[in-house]
């Protein structure tokens, strides 16, 4: 499946991209984390959530007791939108088959980071930090970690609180650390 996306040229993001940023992590874990789009650091490193927002996500996950070894992380689109802008509706549509395949096959709990990810996963039927039961999964849309980076340190507790709720929805990960790229 990854090979198809490596050659993708369906939208304008193809023109300026250096590389796609595939999803990465444990395809057999309970948790699927979906972001908006890769940032410049992610494009350079070909890994999702390795920039400042990803570092904050991992820091808050540790504080919340959420073991990310049982998670798979991807984005609504796999290519970096220039100037870190949100992906257009056309760009999201071009990546939607890949995203929906991932949503159908990975995880029992889906954490949608930011409005773009929540809309791509759930349409418009969601509210911040409210669990949605759909398609035999639990979905939790919350603010993107980059939103918290622009706030005072005390507000980061809101992300920790959400991740604690996710930790309670997912059983502790007892398997090996499986790192797959898809």
C-alpha atoms as a PDB file:
ATOM      1  CA  UNK A   1       0.000   0.000   0.000  1.00  0.00           C
ATOM      2  CA  UNK A   2       2.811   2.444   0.838  1.00  0.00           C
ATOM      3  CA  UNK A   3       4.268   2.150  -2.668  1.00  0.00           C
ATOM      4  CA  UNK A   4       1.078   3.594  -4.149  1.00  0.00           C
ATOM      5  CA  UNK A   5       1.389   6.700  -1.977  1.00  0.00           C
ATOM      6  CA  UNK A   6       5.118   7.147  -2.638  1.00  0.00           C
ATOM      7  CA  UNK A   7       4.225   7.728  -6.302  1.00  0.00           C
ATOM      8  CA  UNK A   8       1.079   9.780  -5.648  1.00  0.00           C
ATOM      9  CA  UNK A   9       0.642  12.871  -7.824  1.00  0.00           C
ATOM     10  CA  UNK A  10      -3.099  13.482  -7.351  1.00  0.00           C
ATOM     11  CA  UNK A  11      -2.893  16.965  -5.825  1.00  0.00           C
ATOM     12  CA  UNK A  12      -0.709  20.069  -5.918  1.00  0.00           C
ATOM     13  CA  UNK A  13       1.278  19.017  -2.826  1.00  0.00           C
ATOM     14  CA  UNK A  14       3.103  16.604  -5.130  1.00  0.00           C
ATOM     15  CA  UNK A  15       4.792  19.506  -6.935  1.00  0.00           C
ATOM     16  CA  UNK A  16       6.862  20.826  -4.048  1.00  0.00           C
ATOM     17  CA  UNK A  17       7.266  17.860  -1.758  1.00  0.00           C
ATOM     18  CA  UNK A  18      10.605  16.342  -0.860  1.00  0.00           C
ATOM     19  CA  UNK A  19       9.060  13.165   0.468  1.00  0.00           C
ATOM     20  CA  UNK A  20       5.805  11.807   1.824  1.00  0.00           C
ATOM     21  CA  UNK A  21       5.517  11.295   5.563  1.00  0.00           C
ATOM     22  CA  UNK A  22       3.904   7.876   6.017  1.00  0.00           C
ATOM     23  CA  UNK A  23       2.125   6.764   9.146  1.00  0.00           C
ATOM     24  CA  UNK A  24       4.315   5.021  11.666  1.00  0.00           C
ATOM     25  CA  UNK A  25       3.962   2.887  14.757  1.00  0.00           C
ATOM     26  CA  UNK A  26       2.103  -0.181  15.877  1.00  0.00           C
ATOM     27  CA  UNK A  27      -0.597  -1.341  13.468  1.00  0.00           C
ATOM     28  CA  UNK A  28      -1.822  -3.831  16.076  1.00  0.00           C
ATOM     29  CA  UNK A  29      -2.150  -1.410  18.983  1.00  0.00           C
ATOM     30  CA  UNK A  30      -5.334   0.032  20.418  1.00  0.00           C
ATOM     31  CA  UNK A  31      -4.661   3.673  19.611  1.00  0.00           C
ATOM     32  CA  UNK A  32      -4.640   5.508  16.277  1.00  0.00           C
ATOM     33  CA  UNK A  33      -3.502   9.136  16.404  1.00  0.00           C
ATOM     34  CA  UNK A  34      -4.404  11.333  13.431  1.00  0.00           C
ATOM     35  CA  UNK A  35      -2.954  14.808  12.880  1.00  0.00           C
ATOM     36  CA  UNK A  36      -3.539  17.389  10.172  1.00  0.00           C
ATOM     37  CA  UNK A  37      -0.447  17.263   7.957  1.00  0.00           C
ATOM     38  CA  UNK A  38       3.309  16.910   8.333  1.00  0.00           C
ATOM     39  CA  UNK A  39       5.340  19.984   9.188  1.00  0.00           C
ATOM     40  CA  UNK A  40       8.698  20.849   7.676  1.00  0.00           C
ATOM     41  CA  UNK A  41      10.629  18.837  10.308  1.00  0.00           C
ATOM     42  CA  UNK A  42       8.444  15.808   9.644  1.00  0.00           C
ATOM     43  CA  UNK A  43       8.984  16.098   5.898  1.00  0.00           C
ATOM     44  CA  UNK A  44      12.753  16.318   6.337  1.00  0.00           C
ATOM     45  CA  UNK A  45      12.762  13.333   8.712  1.00  0.00           C
ATOM     46  CA  UNK A  46      10.009  11.325   6.935  1.00  0.00           C
ATOM     47  CA  UNK A  47       8.334  10.614  10.302  1.00  0.00           C
ATOM     48  CA  UNK A  48       5.081  11.996  11.728  1.00  0.00           C
ATOM     49  CA  UNK A  49       5.130  14.150  14.871  1.00  0.00           C
ATOM     50  CA  UNK A  50       8.885  14.591  15.343  1.00  0.00           C
ATOM     51  CA  UNK A  51       8.761  18.391  15.505  1.00  0.00           C
ATOM     52  CA  UNK A  52       7.889  20.562  18.498  1.00  0.00           C
ATOM     53  CA  UNK A  53       4.212  19.477  18.519  1.00  0.00           C
ATOM     54  CA  UNK A  54       5.264  15.815  18.536  1.00  0.00           C
ATOM     55  CA  UNK A  55       7.716  16.416  21.357  1.00  0.00           C
ATOM     56  CA  UNK A  56       4.949  18.045  23.384  1.00  0.00           C
ATOM     57  CA  UNK A  57       2.588  15.165  22.568  1.00  0.00           C
ATOM     58  CA  UNK A  58       5.138  12.608  23.827  1.00  0.00           C
ATOM     59  CA  UNK A  59       5.937  14.655  26.951  1.00  0.00           C
ATOM     60  CA  UNK A  60       2.242  14.957  27.825  1.00  0.00           C
ATOM     61  CA  UNK A  61       1.637  11.263  27.067  1.00  0.00           C
ATOM     62  CA  UNK A  62       4.323  10.299  29.592  1.00  0.00           C
ATOM     63  CA  UNK A  63       2.782  12.660  32.151  1.00  0.00           C
ATOM     64  CA  UNK A  64      -0.663  11.140  31.464  1.00  0.00           C
ATOM     65  CA  UNK A  65       0.559   7.555  31.731  1.00  0.00           C
ATOM     66  CA  UNK A  66      -0.221   6.838  28.065  1.00  0.00           C
ATOM     67  CA  UNK A  67       2.211   4.349  26.522  1.00  0.00           C
ATOM     68  CA  UNK A  68       2.593   5.332  22.869  1.00  0.00           C
ATOM     69  CA  UNK A  69       4.225   1.993  21.968  1.00  0.00           C
ATOM     70  CA  UNK A  70       0.679   0.726  21.435  1.00  0.00           C
ATOM     71  CA  UNK A  71      -0.172   3.478  18.964  1.00  0.00           C
ATOM     72  CA  UNK A  72       0.017   4.234  15.266  1.00  0.00           C
ATOM     73  CA  UNK A  73       0.466   7.878  14.231  1.00  0.00           C
ATOM     74  CA  UNK A  74      -0.483   9.355  10.861  1.00  0.00           C
ATOM     75  CA  UNK A  75      -1.863  12.537   9.323  1.00  0.00           C
ATOM     76  CA  UNK A  76      -4.907  13.397   7.238  1.00  0.00           C
ATOM     77  CA  UNK A  77      -2.508  14.141   4.352  1.00  0.00           C
ATOM     78  CA  UNK A  78       0.963  12.652   3.876  1.00  0.00           C
ATOM     79  CA  UNK A  79       2.658  15.648   2.232  1.00  0.00           C
ATOM     80  CA  UNK A  80       3.811  18.917   3.769  1.00  0.00           C
ATOM     81  CA  UNK A  81       1.608  21.860   2.713  1.00  0.00           C
ATOM     82  CA  UNK A  82       3.816  24.887   1.884  1.00  0.00           C
ATOM     83  CA  UNK A  83       4.255  27.435   4.670  1.00  0.00           C
ATOM     84  CA  UNK A  84       2.660  24.949   7.083  1.00  0.00           C
ATOM     85  CA  UNK A  85      -0.812  25.971   5.912  1.00  0.00           C
ATOM     86  CA  UNK A  86      -3.799  23.684   6.513  1.00  0.00           C
ATOM     87  CA  UNK A  87      -4.412  21.249   3.650  1.00  0.00           C
ATOM     88  CA  UNK A  88      -7.088  22.300   1.166  1.00  0.00           C
ATOM     89  CA  UNK A  89     -10.312  20.334   0.757  1.00  0.00           C
ATOM     90  CA  UNK A  90      -8.975  18.994  -2.580  1.00  0.00           C
ATOM     91  CA  UNK A  91      -5.737  17.813  -0.924  1.00  0.00           C
ATOM     92  CA  UNK A  92      -7.722  16.140   1.852  1.00  0.00           C
ATOM     93  CA  UNK A  93      -9.982  14.461  -0.686  1.00  0.00           C
ATOM     94  CA  UNK A  94      -6.971  13.077  -2.590  1.00  0.00           C
ATOM     95  CA  UNK A  95      -5.646  11.473   0.614  1.00  0.00           C
ATOM     96  CA  UNK A  96      -9.039  10.375   1.929  1.00  0.00           C
ATOM     97  CA  UNK A  97      -8.977   6.793   0.551  1.00  0.00           C
ATOM     98  CA  UNK A  98      -5.666   6.143   2.311  1.00  0.00           C
ATOM     99  CA  UNK A  99      -6.873   7.763   5.531  1.00  0.00           C
ATOM    100  CA  UNK A 100     -10.170   5.849   5.547  1.00  0.00           C
ATOM    101  CA  UNK A 101      -8.364   2.568   4.931  1.00  0.00           C
ATOM    102  CA  UNK A 102      -6.190   3.331   7.975  1.00  0.00           C
ATOM    103  CA  UNK A 103      -9.248   4.320  10.037  1.00  0.00           C
ATOM    104  CA  UNK A 104     -10.961   1.034   9.156  1.00  0.00           C
ATOM    105  CA  UNK A 105      -8.005  -1.214   9.932  1.00  0.00           C
ATOM    106  CA  UNK A 106      -6.005   0.336  12.778  1.00  0.00           C
ATOM    107  CA  UNK A 107      -6.888   0.935  16.423  1.00  0.00           C
ATOM    108  CA  UNK A 108      -9.984   0.788  18.591  1.00  0.00           C
ATOM    109  CA  UNK A 109      -9.540   4.330  19.896  1.00  0.00           C
ATOM    110  CA  UNK A 110      -8.904   7.220  17.493  1.00  0.00           C
ATOM    111  CA  UNK A 111      -7.416  10.479  18.797  1.00  0.00           C
ATOM    112  CA  UNK A 112      -8.010  13.279  16.279  1.00  0.00           C
ATOM    113  CA  UNK A 113      -5.532  16.114  16.813  1.00  0.00           C
ATOM    114  CA  UNK A 114      -7.008  19.395  15.586  1.00  0.00           C
ATOM    115  CA  UNK A 115     -10.010  20.521  13.563  1.00  0.00           C
ATOM    116  CA  UNK A 116      -8.694  19.359  10.194  1.00  0.00           C
ATOM    117  CA  UNK A 117      -8.039  15.829  11.477  1.00  0.00           C
ATOM    118  CA  UNK A 118     -11.385  15.678  13.289  1.00  0.00           C
ATOM    119  CA  UNK A 119     -13.278  16.830  10.187  1.00  0.00           C
ATOM    120  CA  UNK A 120     -11.366  14.377   7.973  1.00  0.00           C
ATOM    121  CA  UNK A 121     -12.191  11.495  10.325  1.00  0.00           C
ATOM    122  CA  UNK A 122     -15.668  12.365  11.578  1.00  0.00           C
ATOM    123  CA  UNK A 123     -17.115  14.918   9.187  1.00  0.00           C
ATOM    124  CA  UNK A 124     -18.746  17.716  11.153  1.00  0.00           C
ATOM    125  CA  UNK A 125     -20.382  15.478  13.799  1.00  0.00           C
ATOM    126  CA  UNK A 126     -18.035  16.149  16.729  1.00  0.00           C
ATOM    127  CA  UNK A 127     -17.205  18.533  19.588  1.00  0.00           C
ATOM    128  CA  UNK A 128     -13.891  19.239  21.280  1.00  0.00           C
ATOM    129  CA  UNK A 129     -12.930  16.666  23.920  1.00  0.00           C
ATOM    130  CA  UNK A 130     -16.185  14.717  23.644  1.00  0.00           C
ATOM    131  CA  UNK A 131     -16.015  11.003  22.910  1.00  0.00           C
ATOM    132  CA  UNK A 132     -17.869   9.832  19.802  1.00  0.00           C
ATOM    133  CA  UNK A 133     -18.864   6.175  19.355  1.00  0.00           C
ATOM    134  CA  UNK A 134     -18.890   5.303  15.670  1.00  0.00           C
ATOM    135  CA  UNK A 135     -18.065   2.211  13.622  1.00  0.00           C
ATOM    136  CA  UNK A 136     -17.293   0.148  16.749  1.00  0.00           C
ATOM    137  CA  UNK A 137     -14.561   2.594  17.761  1.00  0.00           C
ATOM    138  CA  UNK A 138     -14.173   5.419  20.250  1.00  0.00           C
ATOM    139  CA  UNK A 139     -13.148   8.740  18.709  1.00  0.00           C
ATOM    140  CA  UNK A 140     -11.821  11.717  20.664  1.00  0.00           C
ATOM    141  CA  UNK A 141     -11.260  15.023  18.858  1.00  0.00           C
ATOM    142  CA  UNK A 142      -9.014  17.436  20.720  1.00  0.00           C
ATOM    143  CA  UNK A 143      -6.880  20.488  20.075  1.00  0.00           C
ATOM    144  CA  UNK A 144      -3.654  19.897  18.174  1.00  0.00           C
ATOM    145  CA  UNK A 145      -0.487  19.984  20.327  1.00  0.00           C
ATOM    146  CA  UNK A 146       0.713  23.002  18.288  1.00  0.00           C
ATOM    147  CA  UNK A 147      -2.282  24.930  19.690  1.00  0.00           C
ATOM    148  CA  UNK A 148      -0.941  24.319  23.199  1.00  0.00           C
ATOM    149  CA  UNK A 149       2.554  25.443  22.154  1.00  0.00           C
ATOM    150  CA  UNK A 150       1.126  28.925  21.610  1.00  0.00           C
ATOM    151  CA  UNK A 151      -0.369  29.033  25.135  1.00  0.00           C
ATOM    152  CA  UNK A 152       1.049  29.357  28.624  1.00  0.00           C
ATOM    153  CA  UNK A 153       2.578  26.278  30.229  1.00  0.00           C
ATOM    154  CA  UNK A 154      -0.339  25.903  32.678  1.00  0.00           C
ATOM    155  CA  UNK A 155      -2.768  25.374  29.765  1.00  0.00           C
ATOM    156  CA  UNK A 156      -0.811  22.315  28.607  1.00  0.00           C
ATOM    157  CA  UNK A 157      -2.553  20.496  31.451  1.00  0.00           C
ATOM    158  CA  UNK A 158      -5.600  20.385  29.152  1.00  0.00           C
ATOM    159  CA  UNK A 159      -3.724  18.118  26.743  1.00  0.00           C
ATOM    160  CA  UNK A 160      -2.505  15.942  29.617  1.00  0.00           C
ATOM    161  CA  UNK A 161      -6.112  15.594  30.823  1.00  0.00           C
ATOM    162  CA  UNK A 162      -7.261  14.436  27.359  1.00  0.00           C
ATOM    163  CA  UNK A 163      -4.384  11.962  27.110  1.00  0.00           C
ATOM    164  CA  UNK A 164      -5.254  10.577  30.567  1.00  0.00           C
ATOM    165  CA  UNK A 165      -8.768   9.917  29.265  1.00  0.00           C
ATOM    166  CA  UNK A 166      -7.261   8.127  26.255  1.00  0.00           C
ATOM    167  CA  UNK A 167      -5.014   6.090  28.561  1.00  0.00           C
ATOM    168  CA  UNK A 168      -8.128   4.902  30.421  1.00  0.00           C
ATOM    169  CA  UNK A 169      -9.755   3.841  27.125  1.00  0.00           C
ATOM    170  CA  UNK A 170      -6.748   1.778  26.024  1.00  0.00           C
ATOM    171  CA  UNK A 171      -5.492  -1.250  27.922  1.00  0.00           C
ATOM    172  CA  UNK A 172      -1.807  -1.106  28.918  1.00  0.00           C
ATOM    173  CA  UNK A 173       0.486  -2.102  26.069  1.00  0.00           C
ATOM    174  CA  UNK A 174       2.200  -5.374  26.950  1.00  0.00           C
ATOM    175  CA  UNK A 175       3.507  -6.359  23.527  1.00  0.00           C
ATOM    176  CA  UNK A 176       6.819  -5.715  21.882  1.00  0.00           C
ATOM    177  CA  UNK A 177       7.688  -2.289  20.549  1.00  0.00           C
ATOM    178  CA  UNK A 178       6.518  -2.689  16.946  1.00  0.00           C
ATOM    179  CA  UNK A 179       7.461   0.147  14.601  1.00  0.00           C
ATOM    180  CA  UNK A 180       5.865  -0.194  11.147  1.00  0.00           C
ATOM    181  CA  UNK A 181       5.842   2.342   8.354  1.00  0.00           C
ATOM    182  CA  UNK A 182       2.695   2.442   6.196  1.00  0.00           C
END
